[in-house]
């Protein structure tokens, strides 16, 4: 996967996250890539990039309880 440009991406976080600067993860969808970042370090922090298929697989496993024993 080539490195996607998230400079103008629209980032969003869960509606369950408050506005108090807590520990939130933000997501951005670019069509060919999904970016995840820490909302506290959005200006300079790293962005984890996965494909839409990888993101869908992660969500499916989370919904199925795959990570409940962690």
PDB file of N, CA and C in Angstrom:
ATOM      1  N   UNK A   1       0.849  -1.174   0.000  1.00  0.00           N
ATOM      2  CA  UNK A   1       0.000   0.000   0.000  1.00  0.00           C
ATOM      3  C   UNK A   1       0.897   1.241   0.000  1.00  0.00           C
ATOM      4  N   UNK A   2       0.613   2.180  -0.871  1.00  0.00           N
ATOM      5  CA  UNK A   2       1.336   3.444  -0.852  1.00  0.00           C
ATOM      6  C   UNK A   2       0.849   4.269   0.325  1.00  0.00           C
ATOM      7  N   UNK A   3       1.679   5.176   0.776  1.00  0.00           N
ATOM      8  CA  UNK A   3       1.314   5.998   1.929  1.00  0.00           C
ATOM      9  C   UNK A   3       0.251   7.010   1.521  1.00  0.00           C
ATOM     10  N   UNK A   4      -0.945   6.911   2.108  1.00  0.00           N
ATOM     11  CA  UNK A   4      -2.004   7.858   1.755  1.00  0.00           C
ATOM     12  C   UNK A   4      -1.764   9.224   2.391  1.00  0.00           C
ATOM     13  N   UNK A   5      -2.329  10.240   1.775  1.00  0.00           N
ATOM     14  CA  UNK A   5      -2.197  11.611   2.267  1.00  0.00           C
ATOM     15  C   UNK A   5      -3.426  11.955   3.110  1.00  0.00           C
ATOM     16  N   UNK A   6      -3.242  12.046   4.415  1.00  0.00           N
ATOM     17  CA  UNK A   6      -4.336  12.362   5.325  1.00  0.00           C
ATOM     18  C   UNK A   6      -4.408  13.853   5.661  1.00  0.00           C
ATOM     19  N   UNK A   7      -3.654  14.679   4.935  1.00  0.00           N
ATOM     20  CA  UNK A   7      -3.588  16.112   5.247  1.00  0.00           C
ATOM     21  C   UNK A   7      -4.961  16.786   5.229  1.00  0.00           C
ATOM     22  N   UNK A   8      -5.836  16.369   4.344  1.00  0.00           N
ATOM     23  CA  UNK A   8      -7.157  17.003   4.246  1.00  0.00           C
ATOM     24  C   UNK A   8      -8.276  16.032   4.596  1.00  0.00           C
ATOM     25  N   UNK A   9      -7.915  14.968   5.308  1.00  0.00           N
ATOM     26  CA  UNK A   9      -8.922  13.971   5.682  1.00  0.00           C
ATOM     27  C   UNK A   9      -9.881  14.526   6.721  1.00  0.00           C
ATOM     28  N   UNK A  10     -11.080  14.013   6.711  1.00  0.00           N
ATOM     29  CA  UNK A  10     -12.075  14.356   7.728  1.00  0.00           C
ATOM     30  C   UNK A  10     -11.975  13.290   8.810  1.00  0.00           C
ATOM     31  N   UNK A  11     -11.532  13.703   9.987  1.00  0.00           N
ATOM     32  CA  UNK A  11     -11.356  12.790  11.106  1.00  0.00           C
ATOM     33  C   UNK A  11     -12.601  12.794  11.962  1.00  0.00           C
ATOM     34  N   UNK A  12     -12.930  11.634  12.511  1.00  0.00           N
ATOM     35  CA  UNK A  12     -14.102  11.544  13.386  1.00  0.00           C
ATOM     36  C   UNK A  12     -13.786  10.598  14.535  1.00  0.00           C
ATOM     37  N   UNK A  13     -14.514  10.783  15.623  1.00  0.00           N
ATOM     38  CA  UNK A  13     -14.364   9.885  16.764  1.00  0.00           C
ATOM     39  C   UNK A  13     -15.745   9.426  17.204  1.00  0.00           C
ATOM     40  N   UNK A  14     -15.772   8.446  18.037  1.00  0.00           N
ATOM     41  CA  UNK A  14     -17.029   7.869  18.495  1.00  0.00           C
ATOM     42  C   UNK A  14     -17.899   8.917  19.172  1.00  0.00           C
ATOM     43  N   UNK A  15     -19.187   8.780  18.998  1.00  0.00           N
ATOM     44  CA  UNK A  15     -20.116   9.664  19.702  1.00  0.00           C
ATOM     45  C   UNK A  15     -20.104   9.379  21.199  1.00  0.00           C
ATOM     46  N   UNK A  16     -19.528   8.261  21.607  1.00  0.00           N
ATOM     47  CA  UNK A  16     -19.391   7.929  23.027  1.00  0.00           C
ATOM     48  C   UNK A  16     -18.226   8.670  23.669  1.00  0.00           C
ATOM     49  N   UNK A  17     -17.366   9.279  22.869  1.00  0.00           N
ATOM     50  CA  UNK A  17     -16.229  10.037  23.385  1.00  0.00           C
ATOM     51  C   UNK A  17     -16.697  11.422  23.783  1.00  0.00           C
ATOM     52  N   UNK A  18     -16.226  11.885  24.903  1.00  0.00           N
ATOM     53  CA  UNK A  18     -16.568  13.234  25.350  1.00  0.00           C
ATOM     54  C   UNK A  18     -15.634  14.265  24.750  1.00  0.00           C
ATOM     55  N   UNK A  19     -15.835  15.513  25.087  1.00  0.00           N
ATOM     56  CA  UNK A  19     -14.985  16.598  24.611  1.00  0.00           C
ATOM     57  C   UNK A  19     -13.984  17.041  25.666  1.00  0.00           C
ATOM     58  N   UNK A  20     -13.707  16.173  26.628  1.00  0.00           N
ATOM     59  CA  UNK A  20     -12.829  16.559  27.731  1.00  0.00           C
ATOM     60  C   UNK A  20     -11.361  16.227  27.484  1.00  0.00           C
ATOM     61  N   UNK A  21     -10.981  15.886  26.271  1.00  0.00           N
ATOM     62  CA  UNK A  21      -9.586  15.596  25.967  1.00  0.00           C
ATOM     63  C   UNK A  21      -9.132  14.239  26.463  1.00  0.00           C
ATOM     64  N   UNK A  22     -10.064  13.329  26.619  1.00  0.00           N
ATOM     65  CA  UNK A  22      -9.741  12.004  27.126  1.00  0.00           C
ATOM     66  C   UNK A  22      -9.003  11.144  26.126  1.00  0.00           C
ATOM     67  N   UNK A  23      -8.985   9.891  26.382  1.00  0.00           N
ATOM     68  CA  UNK A  23      -8.256   8.951  25.547  1.00  0.00           C
ATOM     69  C   UNK A  23      -9.148   8.482  24.406  1.00  0.00           C
ATOM     70  N   UNK A  24      -9.043   9.157  23.282  1.00  0.00           N
ATOM     71  CA  UNK A  24      -9.901   8.866  22.138  1.00  0.00           C
ATOM     72  C   UNK A  24      -9.063   8.467  20.929  1.00  0.00           C
ATOM     73  N   UNK A  25      -9.661   7.660  20.098  1.00  0.00           N
ATOM     74  CA  UNK A  25      -9.068   7.300  18.820  1.00  0.00           C
ATOM     75  C   UNK A  25      -9.938   7.924  17.740  1.00  0.00           C
ATOM     76  N   UNK A  26      -9.306   8.549  16.772  1.00  0.00           N
ATOM     77  CA  UNK A  26     -10.027   9.143  15.650  1.00  0.00           C
ATOM     78  C   UNK A  26      -9.778   8.323  14.393  1.00  0.00           C
ATOM     79  N   UNK A  27     -10.764   8.313  13.509  1.00  0.00           N
ATOM     80  CA  UNK A  27     -10.701   7.576  12.253  1.00  0.00           C
ATOM     81  C   UNK A  27     -10.909   8.512  11.078  1.00  0.00           C
ATOM     82  N   UNK A  28     -10.259   8.177   9.978  1.00  0.00           N
ATOM     83  CA  UNK A  28     -10.493   8.876   8.713  1.00  0.00           C
ATOM     84  C   UNK A  28     -10.543   7.829   7.609  1.00  0.00           C
ATOM     85  N   UNK A  29     -11.505   7.972   6.718  1.00  0.00           N
ATOM     86  CA  UNK A  29     -11.686   7.038   5.615  1.00  0.00           C
ATOM     87  C   UNK A  29     -11.342   7.757   4.309  1.00  0.00           C
ATOM     88  N   UNK A  30     -10.429   7.171   3.545  1.00  0.00           N
ATOM     89  CA  UNK A  30     -10.021   7.773   2.271  1.00  0.00           C
ATOM     90  C   UNK A  30     -10.406   6.927   1.067  1.00  0.00           C
ATOM     91  N   UNK A  31     -11.223   5.939   1.247  1.00  0.00           N
ATOM     92  CA  UNK A  31     -11.607   5.075   0.134  1.00  0.00           C
ATOM     93  C   UNK A  31     -10.698   3.865   0.026  1.00  0.00           C
ATOM     94  N   UNK A  32      -9.403   4.079  -0.177  1.00  0.00           N
ATOM     95  CA  UNK A  32      -8.454   2.970  -0.277  1.00  0.00           C
ATOM     96  C   UNK A  32      -7.702   2.736   1.022  1.00  0.00           C
ATOM     97  N   UNK A  33      -7.927   3.576   2.016  1.00  0.00           N
ATOM     98  CA  UNK A  33      -7.216   3.446   3.285  1.00  0.00           C
ATOM     99  C   UNK A  33      -8.079   3.963   4.429  1.00  0.00           C
ATOM    100  N   UNK A  34      -7.826   3.400   5.603  1.00  0.00           N
ATOM    101  CA  UNK A  34      -8.452   3.864   6.837  1.00  0.00           C
ATOM    102  C   UNK A  34      -7.313   4.276   7.756  1.00  0.00           C
ATOM    103  N   UNK A  35      -7.388   5.478   8.295  1.00  0.00           N
ATOM    104  CA  UNK A  35      -6.364   5.962   9.207  1.00  0.00           C
ATOM    105  C   UNK A  35      -6.902   6.034  10.626  1.00  0.00           C
ATOM    106  N   UNK A  36      -6.060   5.667  11.584  1.00  0.00           N
ATOM    107  CA  UNK A  36      -6.412   5.746  12.998  1.00  0.00           C
ATOM    108  C   UNK A  36      -5.325   6.541  13.703  1.00  0.00           C
ATOM    109  N   UNK A  37      -5.725   7.451  14.591  1.00  0.00           N
ATOM    110  CA  UNK A  37      -4.750   8.241  15.329  1.00  0.00           C
ATOM    111  C   UNK A  37      -5.262   8.554  16.720  1.00  0.00           C
ATOM    112  N   UNK A  38      -4.351   8.926  17.597  1.00  0.00           N
ATOM    113  CA  UNK A  38      -4.676   9.335  18.960  1.00  0.00           C
ATOM    114  C   UNK A  38      -5.123  10.789  18.917  1.00  0.00           C
ATOM    115  N   UNK A  39      -6.282  11.075  19.469  1.00  0.00           N
ATOM    116  CA  UNK A  39      -6.809  12.440  19.389  1.00  0.00           C
ATOM    117  C   UNK A  39      -5.976  13.438  20.186  1.00  0.00           C
ATOM    118  N   UNK A  40      -5.197  12.980  21.156  1.00  0.00           N
ATOM    119  CA  UNK A  40      -4.369  13.897  21.941  1.00  0.00           C
ATOM    120  C   UNK A  40      -3.112  14.336  21.188  1.00  0.00           C
ATOM    121  N   UNK A  41      -2.722  13.605  20.173  1.00  0.00           N
ATOM    122  CA  UNK A  41      -1.485  13.895  19.454  1.00  0.00           C
ATOM    123  C   UNK A  41      -1.741  14.002  17.959  1.00  0.00           C
ATOM    124  N   UNK A  42      -2.855  14.596  17.610  1.00  0.00           N
ATOM    125  CA  UNK A  42      -3.268  14.615  16.202  1.00  0.00           C
ATOM    126  C   UNK A  42      -2.379  15.452  15.296  1.00  0.00           C
ATOM    127  N   UNK A  43      -1.725  16.455  15.829  1.00  0.00           N
ATOM    128  CA  UNK A  43      -0.904  17.315  14.976  1.00  0.00           C
ATOM    129  C   UNK A  43       0.389  16.634  14.527  1.00  0.00           C
ATOM    130  N   UNK A  44       1.029  15.903  15.424  1.00  0.00           N
ATOM    131  CA  UNK A  44       2.341  15.337  15.104  1.00  0.00           C
ATOM    132  C   UNK A  44       2.432  13.837  15.304  1.00  0.00           C
ATOM    133  N   UNK A  45       1.397  13.230  15.786  1.00  0.00           N
ATOM    134  CA  UNK A  45       1.447  11.811  16.101  1.00  0.00           C
ATOM    135  C   UNK A  45       1.371  10.921  14.880  1.00  0.00           C
ATOM    136  N   UNK A  46       1.693   9.658  15.084  1.00  0.00           N
ATOM    137  CA  UNK A  46       1.644   8.702  13.982  1.00  0.00           C
ATOM    138  C   UNK A  46       0.207   8.353  13.592  1.00  0.00           C
ATOM    139  N   UNK A  47       0.043   7.883  12.389  1.00  0.00           N
ATOM    140  CA  UNK A  47      -1.253   7.416  11.884  1.00  0.00           C
ATOM    141  C   UNK A  47      -1.084   5.955  11.499  1.00  0.00           C
ATOM    142  N   UNK A  48      -1.875   5.099  12.124  1.00  0.00           N
ATOM    143  CA  UNK A  48      -1.910   3.697  11.739  1.00  0.00           C
ATOM    144  C   UNK A  48      -2.806   3.595  10.517  1.00  0.00           C
ATOM    145  N   UNK A  49      -2.301   3.016   9.449  1.00  0.00           N
ATOM    146  CA  UNK A  49      -3.044   2.919   8.201  1.00  0.00           C
ATOM    147  C   UNK A  49      -3.323   1.461   7.877  1.00  0.00           C
ATOM    148  N   UNK A  50      -4.589   1.162   7.610  1.00  0.00           N
ATOM    149  CA  UNK A  50      -5.006  -0.187   7.220  1.00  0.00           C
ATOM    150  C   UNK A  50      -5.906  -0.087   5.996  1.00  0.00           C
ATOM    151  N   UNK A  51      -6.108  -1.204   5.337  1.00  0.00           N
ATOM    152  CA  UNK A  51      -7.013  -1.222   4.191  1.00  0.00           C
ATOM    153  C   UNK A  51      -8.450  -1.294   4.705  1.00  0.00           C
ATOM    154  N   UNK A  52      -9.421  -0.926   3.887  1.00  0.00           N
ATOM    155  CA  UNK A  52     -10.816  -1.074   4.314  1.00  0.00           C
ATOM    156  C   UNK A  52     -11.163  -2.522   4.668  1.00  0.00           C
ATOM    157  N   UNK A  53     -10.581  -3.491   3.955  1.00  0.00           N
ATOM    158  CA  UNK A  53     -10.830  -4.894   4.268  1.00  0.00           C
ATOM    159  C   UNK A  53     -10.282  -5.291   5.629  1.00  0.00           C
ATOM    160  N   UNK A  54      -9.097  -4.798   5.957  1.00  0.00           N
ATOM    161  CA  UNK A  54      -8.517  -5.076   7.272  1.00  0.00           C
ATOM    162  C   UNK A  54      -9.351  -4.445   8.378  1.00  0.00           C
ATOM    163  N   UNK A  55      -9.825  -3.234   8.155  1.00  0.00           N
ATOM    164  CA  UNK A  55     -10.667  -2.564   9.143  1.00  0.00           C
ATOM    165  C   UNK A  55     -11.980  -3.328   9.340  1.00  0.00           C
ATOM    166  N   UNK A  56     -12.582  -3.773   8.258  1.00  0.00           N
ATOM    167  CA  UNK A  56     -13.829  -4.538   8.345  1.00  0.00           C
ATOM    168  C   UNK A  56     -13.606  -5.848   9.102  1.00  0.00           C
ATOM    169  N   UNK A  57     -12.475  -6.509   8.861  1.00  0.00           N
ATOM    170  CA  UNK A  57     -12.165  -7.754   9.572  1.00  0.00           C
ATOM    171  C   UNK A  57     -11.974  -7.499  11.057  1.00  0.00           C
ATOM    172  N   UNK A  58     -11.288  -6.423  11.405  1.00  0.00           N
ATOM    173  CA  UNK A  58     -11.109  -6.060  12.813  1.00  0.00           C
ATOM    174  C   UNK A  58     -12.456  -5.824  13.492  1.00  0.00           C
ATOM    175  N   UNK A  59     -13.328  -5.058  12.849  1.00  0.00           N
ATOM    176  CA  UNK A  59     -14.649  -4.779  13.427  1.00  0.00           C
ATOM    177  C   UNK A  59     -15.460  -6.056  13.596  1.00  0.00           C
ATOM    178  N   UNK A  60     -15.413  -6.941  12.609  1.00  0.00           N
ATOM    179  CA  UNK A  60     -16.156  -8.201  12.690  1.00  0.00           C
ATOM    180  C   UNK A  60     -15.652  -9.051  13.857  1.00  0.00           C
ATOM    181  N   UNK A  61     -14.337  -9.118  14.031  1.00  0.00           N
ATOM    182  CA  UNK A  61     -13.780  -9.901  15.134  1.00  0.00           C
ATOM    183  C   UNK A  61     -14.113  -9.274  16.480  1.00  0.00           C
ATOM    184  N   UNK A  62     -14.096  -7.957  16.545  1.00  0.00           N
ATOM    185  CA  UNK A  62     -14.459  -7.279  17.792  1.00  0.00           C
ATOM    186  C   UNK A  62     -15.927  -7.555  18.140  1.00  0.00           C
ATOM    187  N   UNK A  63     -16.792  -7.497  17.157  1.00  0.00           N
ATOM    188  CA  UNK A  63     -18.209  -7.771  17.385  1.00  0.00           C
ATOM    189  C   UNK A  63     -18.450  -9.221  17.819  1.00  0.00           C
ATOM    190  N   UNK A  64     -17.602 -10.135  17.330  1.00  0.00           N
ATOM    191  CA  UNK A  64     -17.736 -11.550  17.662  1.00  0.00           C
ATOM    192  C   UNK A  64     -17.068 -11.905  18.983  1.00  0.00           C
ATOM    193  N   UNK A  65     -16.484 -10.924  19.672  1.00  0.00           N
ATOM    194  CA  UNK A  65     -15.867 -11.169  20.965  1.00  0.00           C
ATOM    195  C   UNK A  65     -14.455 -11.728  20.903  1.00  0.00           C
ATOM    196  N   UNK A  66     -13.826 -11.639  19.761  1.00  0.00           N
ATOM    197  CA  UNK A  66     -12.477 -12.184  19.581  1.00  0.00           C
ATOM    198  C   UNK A  66     -11.476 -11.606  20.589  1.00  0.00           C
ATOM    199  N   UNK A  67     -11.677 -10.383  21.011  1.00  0.00           N
ATOM    200  CA  UNK A  67     -10.708  -9.713  21.885  1.00  0.00           C
ATOM    201  C   UNK A  67     -11.174  -9.643  23.331  1.00  0.00           C
ATOM    202  N   UNK A  68     -12.234 -10.329  23.663  1.00  0.00           N
ATOM    203  CA  UNK A  68     -12.798 -10.215  25.018  1.00  0.00           C
ATOM    204  C   UNK A  68     -11.909 -10.834  26.085  1.00  0.00           C
ATOM    205  N   UNK A  69     -10.983 -11.689  25.713  1.00  0.00           N
ATOM    206  CA  UNK A  69     -10.092 -12.332  26.680  1.00  0.00           C
ATOM    207  C   UNK A  69      -8.787 -11.571  26.866  1.00  0.00           C
ATOM    208  N   UNK A  70      -8.623 -10.445  26.208  1.00  0.00           N
ATOM    209  CA  UNK A  70      -7.377  -9.680  26.332  1.00  0.00           C
ATOM    210  C   UNK A  70      -7.353  -8.866  27.601  1.00  0.00           C
TER     211      UNK A  70
END
